[in-house]
Amino acid sequence: MRPTIGMTSWRYQDDDERWEAILDGYPRAVLEAGGLPLILPAISPAPAVAEAYLGIVDGLILTGGADIHPSFYGQTVLDRCGEIDEERDRFEVELVHAARSRDLPLLGICRGLQVLNVALGGSLYQDLSYRQQTDSAHQSPRERRREPVHQVAITGGSRLAEILGVRELRVTSTHHQIIRDLAPGLTVNAVAPDGVVEGVEGAGRFLLAVHWHPERMFTGHGEQLALFRALVEAAGTFRATDYHASRT
């Protein structure tokens, strides 16, 4: 049986209706890696829904999307902070806490890295421009979002290095917010030439996040699929049914 991988969605407003959306690269990559993708809409009440969702999945992907409200890391909204969805923020922070409490395999991508860092006690720069000497290459133009545009150095001995099998690679990024203070319990496993954190990981069965977009790159750059395969493999060792059996 394929391990079930839950994926958060991005909400947007269309006239009088609100839509739950997800870039199709996420479910395609999960399926290609051997998992069964399942979209998890952000619905209140966050704690109860997060617990219920994680009762039926074996692994979790925190996907990209809008900015996190700065109040979650003790700041006020600055001019260059972008679109915010506080309900999604609360929901995903609860997902992180619930996932960590049961050692559920978790992969964060772009915003997902930022959510993980914030949920565990870290903070962000609300825009690249608030950090000196930061390269604009972190914001790939729309026409180049599937192309590698900047270099990333992978930390030797890290889990990320073990998964990718390389010490450096070129990636595509579309984020304008970056880590300011690293959360306790996380370690940096990838850095851009300008010093921006591009990857983090933590202890446990599988806790890893990257700032770039492997779901956009995996069809043309096979090494990126390794991230999804590693998550699915870890999810296979977890199995939601086994977790519940151990709790009864």
C-alpha atoms as a PDB file:
ATOM      1  CA  MET A   1       0.000   0.000   0.000  1.00  0.00           C
ATOM      2  CA  ARG A   2       1.184   3.535  -0.800  1.00  0.00           C
ATOM      3  CA  PRO A   3       1.828   5.731   2.271  1.00  0.00           C
ATOM      4  CA  THR A   4      -0.668   8.609   2.386  1.00  0.00           C
ATOM      5  CA  ILE A   5       0.967  12.046   2.221  1.00  0.00           C
ATOM      6  CA  GLY A   6      -1.108  15.024   3.352  1.00  0.00           C
ATOM      7  CA  MET A   7      -0.422  18.344   1.590  1.00  0.00           C
ATOM      8  CA  THR A   8      -1.573  21.777   2.719  1.00  0.00           C
ATOM      9  CA  SER A   9      -3.401  23.983   0.221  1.00  0.00           C
ATOM     10  CA  TRP A  10      -3.302  27.676  -0.688  1.00  0.00           C
ATOM     11  CA  ARG A  11      -6.591  29.565  -0.472  1.00  0.00           C
ATOM     12  CA  TYR A  12      -7.564  32.392  -2.770  1.00  0.00           C
ATOM     13  CA  GLN A  13     -10.639  34.499  -3.356  1.00  0.00           C
ATOM     14  CA  ASP A  14     -12.470  34.551  -6.700  1.00  0.00           C
ATOM     15  CA  ASP A  15     -15.360  37.043  -6.739  1.00  0.00           C
ATOM     16  CA  ASP A  16     -17.654  35.804  -3.928  1.00  0.00           C
ATOM     17  CA  GLU A  17     -16.108  32.342  -3.598  1.00  0.00           C
ATOM     18  CA  ARG A  18     -13.010  31.071  -1.851  1.00  0.00           C
ATOM     19  CA  TRP A  19     -10.966  28.325  -3.482  1.00  0.00           C
ATOM     20  CA  GLU A  20      -8.532  25.781  -2.076  1.00  0.00           C
ATOM     21  CA  ALA A  21      -5.694  25.319  -4.576  1.00  0.00           C
ATOM     22  CA  ILE A  22      -2.437  23.419  -4.854  1.00  0.00           C
ATOM     23  CA  LEU A  23       0.267  23.438  -7.524  1.00  0.00           C
ATOM     24  CA  ASP A  24      -0.078  20.145  -9.373  1.00  0.00           C
ATOM     25  CA  GLY A  25       3.634  19.446  -9.041  1.00  0.00           C
ATOM     26  CA  TYR A  26       3.144  18.484  -5.394  1.00  0.00           C
ATOM     27  CA  PRO A  27       0.707  15.571  -5.897  1.00  0.00           C
ATOM     28  CA  ARG A  28       2.506  14.484  -9.078  1.00  0.00           C
ATOM     29  CA  ALA A  29       5.839  14.318  -7.251  1.00  0.00           C
ATOM     30  CA  VAL A  30       4.304  12.410  -4.331  1.00  0.00           C
ATOM     31  CA  LEU A  31       2.703   9.899  -6.690  1.00  0.00           C
ATOM     32  CA  GLU A  32       5.927   9.504  -8.683  1.00  0.00           C
ATOM     33  CA  ALA A  33       7.787   8.906  -5.405  1.00  0.00           C
ATOM     34  CA  GLY A  34       5.427   6.087  -4.422  1.00  0.00           C
ATOM     35  CA  GLY A  35       3.032   7.923  -2.125  1.00  0.00           C
ATOM     36  CA  LEU A  36      -0.689   8.676  -2.255  1.00  0.00           C
ATOM     37  CA  PRO A  37      -1.308  12.469  -2.225  1.00  0.00           C
ATOM     38  CA  LEU A  38      -4.144  13.907  -0.124  1.00  0.00           C
ATOM     39  CA  ILE A  39      -4.973  17.645   0.028  1.00  0.00           C
ATOM     40  CA  LEU A  40      -5.662  19.059   3.522  1.00  0.00           C
ATOM     41  CA  PRO A  41      -7.742  22.288   3.408  1.00  0.00           C
ATOM     42  CA  ALA A  42      -7.240  24.789   6.240  1.00  0.00           C
ATOM     43  CA  ILE A  43     -10.506  24.778   8.180  1.00  0.00           C
ATOM     44  CA  SER A  44     -11.213  25.955  11.749  1.00  0.00           C
ATOM     45  CA  PRO A  45     -11.045  24.963  14.555  1.00  0.00           C
ATOM     46  CA  ALA A  46      -7.371  24.467  13.811  1.00  0.00           C
ATOM     47  CA  PRO A  47      -6.262  22.140  16.674  1.00  0.00           C
ATOM     48  CA  ALA A  48      -9.127  19.671  16.302  1.00  0.00           C
ATOM     49  CA  VAL A  49      -8.937  19.577  12.497  1.00  0.00           C
ATOM     50  CA  ALA A  50      -5.152  19.217  12.509  1.00  0.00           C
ATOM     51  CA  GLU A  51      -5.348  16.245  14.873  1.00  0.00           C
ATOM     52  CA  ALA A  52      -8.078  14.626  12.783  1.00  0.00           C
ATOM     53  CA  TYR A  53      -6.125  15.065   9.539  1.00  0.00           C
ATOM     54  CA  LEU A  54      -2.943  13.624  11.003  1.00  0.00           C
ATOM     55  CA  GLY A  55      -4.885  10.609  12.157  1.00  0.00           C
ATOM     56  CA  ILE A  56      -5.316   9.510   8.533  1.00  0.00           C
ATOM     57  CA  VAL A  57      -1.959  10.384   6.942  1.00  0.00           C
ATOM     58  CA  ASP A  58       1.507   8.849   7.171  1.00  0.00           C
ATOM     59  CA  GLY A  59       3.474  11.940   6.173  1.00  0.00           C
ATOM     60  CA  LEU A  60       2.988  15.675   5.664  1.00  0.00           C
ATOM     61  CA  ILE A  61       4.077  18.345   3.168  1.00  0.00           C
ATOM     62  CA  LEU A  62       3.770  22.024   4.088  1.00  0.00           C
ATOM     63  CA  THR A  63       3.452  23.695   0.679  1.00  0.00           C
ATOM     64  CA  GLY A  64       4.218  27.186  -0.615  1.00  0.00           C
ATOM     65  CA  GLY A  65       1.917  30.189  -0.543  1.00  0.00           C
ATOM     66  CA  ALA A  66       1.276  33.527   1.125  1.00  0.00           C
ATOM     67  CA  ASP A  67       3.254  35.193   3.915  1.00  0.00           C
ATOM     68  CA  ILE A  68       2.913  34.254   7.592  1.00  0.00           C
ATOM     69  CA  HIS A  69       1.433  36.921   9.821  1.00  0.00           C
ATOM     70  CA  PRO A  70       4.359  38.507  11.714  1.00  0.00           C
ATOM     71  CA  SER A  71       2.436  38.280  14.996  1.00  0.00           C
ATOM     72  CA  PHE A  72       3.288  34.567  15.026  1.00  0.00           C
ATOM     73  CA  TYR A  73       6.933  35.536  15.581  1.00  0.00           C
ATOM     74  CA  GLY A  74       6.456  38.655  17.689  1.00  0.00           C
ATOM     75  CA  GLN A  75       6.551  41.366  15.008  1.00  0.00           C
ATOM     76  CA  THR A  76       4.125  43.867  13.503  1.00  0.00           C
ATOM     77  CA  VAL A  77       3.300  43.971   9.785  1.00  0.00           C
ATOM     78  CA  LEU A  78       5.848  46.017   7.811  1.00  0.00           C
ATOM     79  CA  ASP A  79       5.322  47.717   4.445  1.00  0.00           C
ATOM     80  CA  ARG A  80       6.899  44.950   2.366  1.00  0.00           C
ATOM     81  CA  CYS A  81       5.099  42.056   3.972  1.00  0.00           C
ATOM     82  CA  GLY A  82       2.842  40.423   1.375  1.00  0.00           C
ATOM     83  CA  GLU A  83      -0.552  38.703   1.315  1.00  0.00           C
ATOM     84  CA  ILE A  84      -1.528  37.072   4.640  1.00  0.00           C
ATOM     85  CA  ASP A  85      -3.995  34.328   5.575  1.00  0.00           C
ATOM     86  CA  GLU A  86      -4.076  34.072   9.375  1.00  0.00           C
ATOM     87  CA  GLU A  87      -6.494  31.133   9.408  1.00  0.00           C
ATOM     88  CA  ARG A  88      -4.086  29.108   7.296  1.00  0.00           C
ATOM     89  CA  ASP A  89      -1.214  30.244   9.514  1.00  0.00           C
ATOM     90  CA  ARG A  90      -2.953  29.013  12.684  1.00  0.00           C
ATOM     91  CA  PHE A  91      -3.891  25.738  11.015  1.00  0.00           C
ATOM     92  CA  GLU A  92      -0.372  24.995   9.760  1.00  0.00           C
ATOM     93  CA  VAL A  93       1.273  25.932  13.053  1.00  0.00           C
ATOM     94  CA  GLU A  94      -1.079  23.451  14.733  1.00  0.00           C
ATOM     95  CA  LEU A  95      -0.185  20.863  12.088  1.00  0.00           C
ATOM     96  CA  VAL A  96       3.504  21.268  12.907  1.00  0.00           C
ATOM     97  CA  HIS A  97       2.899  20.850  16.638  1.00  0.00           C
ATOM     98  CA  ALA A  98       0.659  17.825  16.131  1.00  0.00           C
ATOM     99  CA  ALA A  99       3.118  16.260  13.670  1.00  0.00           C
ATOM    100  CA  ARG A 100       6.045  16.735  16.034  1.00  0.00           C
ATOM    101  CA  SER A 101       4.124  15.241  18.955  1.00  0.00           C
ATOM    102  CA  ARG A 102       3.760  11.955  17.048  1.00  0.00           C
ATOM    103  CA  ASP A 103       7.060  12.075  15.096  1.00  0.00           C
ATOM    104  CA  LEU A 104       5.143  12.197  11.805  1.00  0.00           C
ATOM    105  CA  PRO A 105       7.460  12.611   8.776  1.00  0.00           C
ATOM    106  CA  LEU A 106       7.313  16.234   7.587  1.00  0.00           C
ATOM    107  CA  LEU A 107       8.700  18.004   4.516  1.00  0.00           C
ATOM    108  CA  GLY A 108       8.420  21.796   4.218  1.00  0.00           C
ATOM    109  CA  ILE A 109       8.753  23.586   0.888  1.00  0.00           C
ATOM    110  CA  CYS A 110       9.240  27.379   0.522  1.00  0.00           C
ATOM    111  CA  ARG A 111       6.569  28.839   2.840  1.00  0.00           C
ATOM    112  CA  GLY A 112       6.616  25.412   4.488  1.00  0.00           C
ATOM    113  CA  LEU A 113      10.182  26.030   5.665  1.00  0.00           C
ATOM    114  CA  GLN A 114       9.111  29.388   7.071  1.00  0.00           C
ATOM    115  CA  VAL A 115       6.068  27.893   8.842  1.00  0.00           C
ATOM    116  CA  LEU A 116       8.225  25.173  10.390  1.00  0.00           C
ATOM    117  CA  ASN A 117      10.761  27.712  11.645  1.00  0.00           C
ATOM    118  CA  VAL A 118       8.084  30.004  13.077  1.00  0.00           C
ATOM    119  CA  ALA A 119       6.055  27.188  14.661  1.00  0.00           C
ATOM    120  CA  LEU A 120       9.149  25.942  16.494  1.00  0.00           C
ATOM    121  CA  GLY A 121      10.087  29.390  17.821  1.00  0.00           C
ATOM    122  CA  GLY A 122      12.101  31.095  15.081  1.00  0.00           C
ATOM    123  CA  SER A 123      11.526  34.361  13.208  1.00  0.00           C
ATOM    124  CA  LEU A 124      11.650  35.766   9.663  1.00  0.00           C
ATOM    125  CA  TYR A 125      12.702  38.804   7.695  1.00  0.00           C
ATOM    126  CA  GLN A 126       9.431  40.042   6.196  1.00  0.00           C
ATOM    127  CA  ASP A 127      11.178  40.831   2.903  1.00  0.00           C
ATOM    128  CA  LEU A 128      14.574  40.173   1.341  1.00  0.00           C
ATOM    129  CA  SER A 129      15.238  43.919   1.288  1.00  0.00           C
ATOM    130  CA  TYR A 130      15.245  44.048   5.107  1.00  0.00           C
ATOM    131  CA  ARG A 131      18.461  41.986   5.123  1.00  0.00           C
ATOM    132  CA  GLN A 132      21.605  43.589   3.718  1.00  0.00           C
ATOM    133  CA  GLN A 133      23.342  42.123   0.655  1.00  0.00           C
ATOM    134  CA  THR A 134      20.609  39.638  -0.217  1.00  0.00           C
ATOM    135  CA  ASP A 135      20.455  38.436  -3.834  1.00  0.00           C
ATOM    136  CA  SER A 136      17.232  39.020  -5.775  1.00  0.00           C
ATOM    137  CA  ALA A 137      17.743  35.579  -7.411  1.00  0.00           C
ATOM    138  CA  HIS A 138      15.623  34.138  -4.587  1.00  0.00           C
ATOM    139  CA  GLN A 139      12.628  35.551  -6.477  1.00  0.00           C
ATOM    140  CA  SER A 140      12.710  33.784  -9.851  1.00  0.00           C
ATOM    141  CA  PRO A 141      10.603  35.496 -12.529  1.00  0.00           C
ATOM    142  CA  ARG A 142       7.498  33.600 -13.612  1.00  0.00           C
ATOM    143  CA  GLU A 143       9.004  32.534 -16.944  1.00  0.00           C
ATOM    144  CA  ARG A 144      11.987  30.895 -15.173  1.00  0.00           C
ATOM    145  CA  ARG A 145      10.251  29.173 -12.260  1.00  0.00           C
ATOM    146  CA  ARG A 146      11.186  25.691 -13.501  1.00  0.00           C
ATOM    147  CA  GLU A 147      14.814  26.602 -14.213  1.00  0.00           C
ATOM    148  CA  PRO A 148      17.768  26.545 -11.803  1.00  0.00           C
ATOM    149  CA  VAL A 149      18.714  30.175 -11.149  1.00  0.00           C
ATOM    150  CA  HIS A 150      21.022  30.204  -8.115  1.00  0.00           C
ATOM    151  CA  GLN A 151      23.495  27.980  -6.309  1.00  0.00           C
ATOM    152  CA  VAL A 152      22.963  26.230  -2.982  1.00  0.00           C
ATOM    153  CA  ALA A 153      25.691  24.690  -0.830  1.00  0.00           C
ATOM    154  CA  ILE A 154      24.632  21.541   1.055  1.00  0.00           C
ATOM    155  CA  THR A 155      26.115  20.893   4.494  1.00  0.00           C
ATOM    156  CA  GLY A 156      28.284  17.784   4.571  1.00  0.00           C
ATOM    157  CA  GLY A 157      27.006  15.062   6.896  1.00  0.00           C
ATOM    158  CA  SER A 158      23.467  16.441   6.887  1.00  0.00           C
ATOM    159  CA  ARG A 159      20.427  14.346   6.128  1.00  0.00           C
ATOM    160  CA  LEU A 160      19.808  16.548   3.097  1.00  0.00           C
ATOM    161  CA  ALA A 161      23.284  15.735   1.748  1.00  0.00           C
ATOM    162  CA  GLU A 162      22.588  12.033   2.264  1.00  0.00           C
ATOM    163  CA  ILE A 163      19.273  12.278   0.384  1.00  0.00           C
ATOM    164  CA  LEU A 164      20.519  14.349  -2.568  1.00  0.00           C
ATOM    165  CA  GLY A 165      23.964  12.779  -2.794  1.00  0.00           C
ATOM    166  CA  VAL A 166      25.592  16.115  -3.680  1.00  0.00           C
ATOM    167  CA  ARG A 167      27.281  18.989  -1.854  1.00  0.00           C
ATOM    168  CA  GLU A 168      25.964  21.721  -4.144  1.00  0.00           C
ATOM    169  CA  LEU A 169      23.247  22.213  -6.738  1.00  0.00           C
ATOM    170  CA  ARG A 170      21.361  24.912  -8.595  1.00  0.00           C
ATOM    171  CA  VAL A 171      17.733  25.550  -7.688  1.00  0.00           C
ATOM    172  CA  THR A 172      14.742  27.758  -8.450  1.00  0.00           C
ATOM    173  CA  SER A 173      13.301  29.919  -5.658  1.00  0.00           C
ATOM    174  CA  THR A 174      10.288  32.227  -5.473  1.00  0.00           C
ATOM    175  CA  HIS A 175      10.391  33.408  -1.849  1.00  0.00           C
ATOM    176  CA  HIS A 176      10.759  36.987  -0.646  1.00  0.00           C
ATOM    177  CA  GLN A 177      10.831  36.142   3.079  1.00  0.00           C
ATOM    178  CA  ILE A 178      13.776  34.409   4.743  1.00  0.00           C
ATOM    179  CA  ILE A 179      14.861  33.067   8.118  1.00  0.00           C
ATOM    180  CA  ARG A 180      16.106  35.648  10.584  1.00  0.00           C
ATOM    181  CA  ASP A 181      16.393  33.651  13.840  1.00  0.00           C
ATOM    182  CA  LEU A 182      16.649  29.883  13.514  1.00  0.00           C
ATOM    183  CA  ALA A 183      14.229  27.937  15.690  1.00  0.00           C
ATOM    184  CA  PRO A 184      15.626  25.837  18.544  1.00  0.00           C
ATOM    185  CA  GLY A 185      15.973  22.220  17.484  1.00  0.00           C
ATOM    186  CA  LEU A 186      16.575  23.012  13.817  1.00  0.00           C
ATOM    187  CA  THR A 187      19.940  23.003  12.056  1.00  0.00           C
ATOM    188  CA  VAL A 188      20.861  24.615   8.752  1.00  0.00           C
ATOM    189  CA  ASN A 189      21.606  22.111   5.980  1.00  0.00           C
ATOM    190  CA  ALA A 190      21.733  24.376   2.905  1.00  0.00           C
ATOM    191  CA  VAL A 191      22.861  27.967   2.287  1.00  0.00           C
ATOM    192  CA  ALA A 192      22.800  30.263  -0.760  1.00  0.00           C
ATOM    193  CA  PRO A 193      25.941  32.211  -1.775  1.00  0.00           C
ATOM    194  CA  ASP A 194      24.568  35.344  -0.075  1.00  0.00           C
ATOM    195  CA  GLY A 195      24.193  33.486   3.238  1.00  0.00           C
ATOM    196  CA  VAL A 196      20.409  33.027   3.082  1.00  0.00           C
ATOM    197  CA  VAL A 197      19.256  29.783   4.698  1.00  0.00           C
ATOM    198  CA  GLU A 198      17.908  27.481   1.979  1.00  0.00           C
ATOM    199  CA  GLY A 199      17.325  24.339   4.026  1.00  0.00           C
ATOM    200  CA  VAL A 200      16.829  23.130   7.605  1.00  0.00           C
ATOM    201  CA  GLU A 201      16.365  19.795   9.346  1.00  0.00           C
ATOM    202  CA  GLY A 202      15.721  18.417  12.800  1.00  0.00           C
ATOM    203  CA  ALA A 203      15.916  15.253  14.839  1.00  0.00           C
ATOM    204  CA  GLY A 204      13.348  12.492  14.584  1.00  0.00           C
ATOM    205  CA  ARG A 205      12.007  10.143  11.945  1.00  0.00           C
ATOM    206  CA  PHE A 206      11.999  12.790   9.187  1.00  0.00           C
ATOM    207  CA  LEU A 207      11.966  16.575   9.658  1.00  0.00           C
ATOM    208  CA  LEU A 208      13.319  18.547   6.723  1.00  0.00           C
ATOM    209  CA  ALA A 209      12.497  21.711   4.773  1.00  0.00           C
ATOM    210  CA  VAL A 210      13.902  23.538   1.747  1.00  0.00           C
ATOM    211  CA  HIS A 211      13.315  27.059   0.462  1.00  0.00           C
ATOM    212  CA  TRP A 212      13.453  26.104  -3.201  1.00  0.00           C
ATOM    213  CA  HIS A 213      10.788  24.320  -5.274  1.00  0.00           C
ATOM    214  CA  PRO A 214      11.545  20.644  -5.981  1.00  0.00           C
ATOM    215  CA  GLU A 215       7.919  20.133  -7.083  1.00  0.00           C
ATOM    216  CA  ARG A 216       8.618  22.465 -10.022  1.00  0.00           C
ATOM    217  CA  MET A 217      11.962  20.894 -10.899  1.00  0.00           C
ATOM    218  CA  PHE A 218      11.655  17.126 -10.427  1.00  0.00           C
ATOM    219  CA  THR A 219      10.619  16.285 -14.002  1.00  0.00           C
ATOM    220  CA  GLY A 220      13.718  17.919 -15.524  1.00  0.00           C
ATOM    221  CA  HIS A 221      16.048  17.467 -12.554  1.00  0.00           C
ATOM    222  CA  GLY A 222      15.682  13.963 -11.171  1.00  0.00           C
ATOM    223  CA  GLU A 223      17.692  14.590  -8.009  1.00  0.00           C
ATOM    224  CA  GLN A 224      14.835  16.759  -6.737  1.00  0.00           C
ATOM    225  CA  LEU A 225      12.495  13.749  -6.666  1.00  0.00           C
ATOM    226  CA  ALA A 226      14.788  12.235  -4.029  1.00  0.00           C
ATOM    227  CA  LEU A 227      13.290  14.602  -1.440  1.00  0.00           C
ATOM    228  CA  PHE A 228       9.819  13.193  -2.047  1.00  0.00           C
ATOM    229  CA  ARG A 229      11.098   9.621  -2.111  1.00  0.00           C
ATOM    230  CA  ALA A 230      12.810  10.138   1.238  1.00  0.00           C
ATOM    231  CA  LEU A 231       9.577  11.499   2.732  1.00  0.00           C
ATOM    232  CA  VAL A 232       7.512   8.622   1.339  1.00  0.00           C
ATOM    233  CA  GLU A 233      10.051   6.092   2.622  1.00  0.00           C
ATOM    234  CA  ALA A 234       9.898   7.612   6.114  1.00  0.00           C
ATOM    235  CA  ALA A 235       6.100   7.695   5.921  1.00  0.00           C
ATOM    236  CA  GLY A 236       6.127   4.005   5.084  1.00  0.00           C
ATOM    237  CA  THR A 237       7.905   3.303   8.359  1.00  0.00           C
ATOM    238  CA  PHE A 238       5.370   5.383  10.269  1.00  0.00           C
ATOM    239  CA  ARG A 239       1.978   4.216   8.951  1.00  0.00           C
ATOM    240  CA  ALA A 240      -0.914   6.075  10.589  1.00  0.00           C
ATOM    241  CA  THR A 241      -2.595   2.798  11.560  1.00  0.00           C
ATOM    242  CA  ASP A 242       0.510   1.673  13.440  1.00  0.00           C
ATOM    243  CA  TYR A 243       0.560   4.941  15.370  1.00  0.00           C
ATOM    244  CA  HIS A 244      -3.034   4.544  16.486  1.00  0.00           C
ATOM    245  CA  ALA A 245      -2.456   0.896  17.389  1.00  0.00           C
ATOM    246  CA  SER A 246       0.419   1.971  19.646  1.00  0.00           C
ATOM    247  CA  ARG A 247      -1.842   4.475  21.429  1.00  0.00           C
ATOM    248  CA  THR A 248      -4.539   1.952  22.362  1.00  0.00           C
END
